[in-house]
């Protein structure tokens, strides 16, 4: 699902990931640091895709 969302609607996927990160930062959602790091990586990947950067 992640791959499909990133391909078909990267802006929505970015917003989804951003919402999870923001909820965690505000204390509304508790998760492991490992999950947060995965979300940060995903956010970076989708940002690159939107901006047309290949890494």
Protein backbone atom coordinates (compact mmCIF):
# COMPACT_ATOMS: atom_id res chain seq x y z
CA UNK A 1 0.00 0.00 0.00
CA UNK A 2 2.86 2.37 0.82
CA UNK A 3 4.37 1.92 -2.64
CA UNK A 4 1.02 2.37 -4.38
CA UNK A 5 0.18 5.53 -2.42
CA UNK A 6 3.62 6.98 -3.02
CA UNK A 7 3.28 6.35 -6.76
CA UNK A 8 -0.34 7.42 -7.26
CA UNK A 9 -0.64 10.29 -4.79
CA UNK A 10 2.64 11.32 -3.18
CA UNK A 11 1.19 14.52 -1.73
CA UNK A 12 -1.46 12.61 0.22
CA UNK A 13 1.13 10.09 1.37
CA UNK A 14 3.38 12.92 2.59
CA UNK A 15 0.48 14.44 4.53
CA UNK A 16 -0.34 11.07 6.10
CA UNK A 17 3.24 10.54 7.28
CA UNK A 18 3.45 14.16 8.44
CA UNK A 19 0.28 13.70 10.51
CA UNK A 20 1.74 10.67 12.30
CA UNK A 21 4.98 12.54 13.05
CA UNK A 22 3.09 15.59 14.29
CA UNK A 23 0.77 13.51 16.48
CA UNK A 24 3.78 11.84 18.07
CA UNK A 25 5.55 15.15 18.58
CA UNK A 26 2.52 16.59 20.36
CA UNK A 27 2.11 13.54 22.56
CA UNK A 28 -1.17 12.38 21.00
CA UNK A 29 0.32 9.13 19.71
CA UNK A 30 2.97 6.99 21.35
CA UNK A 31 5.16 4.69 19.29
CA UNK A 32 8.70 3.39 19.33
CA UNK A 33 11.68 5.42 18.22
CA UNK A 34 12.21 2.76 15.55
CA UNK A 35 8.79 3.51 14.04
CA UNK A 36 9.42 7.24 14.19
CA UNK A 37 12.71 6.79 12.35
CA UNK A 38 10.95 4.73 9.67
CA UNK A 39 8.39 7.52 9.28
CA UNK A 40 11.16 10.12 9.00
CA UNK A 41 12.83 8.08 6.26
CA UNK A 42 9.51 7.68 4.43
CA UNK A 43 8.88 11.41 4.70
CA UNK A 44 12.29 12.14 3.22
CA UNK A 45 11.71 9.65 0.39
CA UNK A 46 8.33 11.09 -0.55
CA UNK A 47 9.70 14.65 -0.39
CA UNK A 48 12.45 13.64 -2.80
CA UNK A 49 9.89 12.03 -5.12
CA UNK A 50 7.70 15.14 -5.13
CA UNK A 51 10.72 17.37 -5.80
CA UNK A 52 12.04 15.01 -8.49
CA UNK A 53 15.25 14.08 -6.68
CA UNK A 54 16.68 10.60 -7.32
CA UNK A 55 18.94 9.14 -4.63
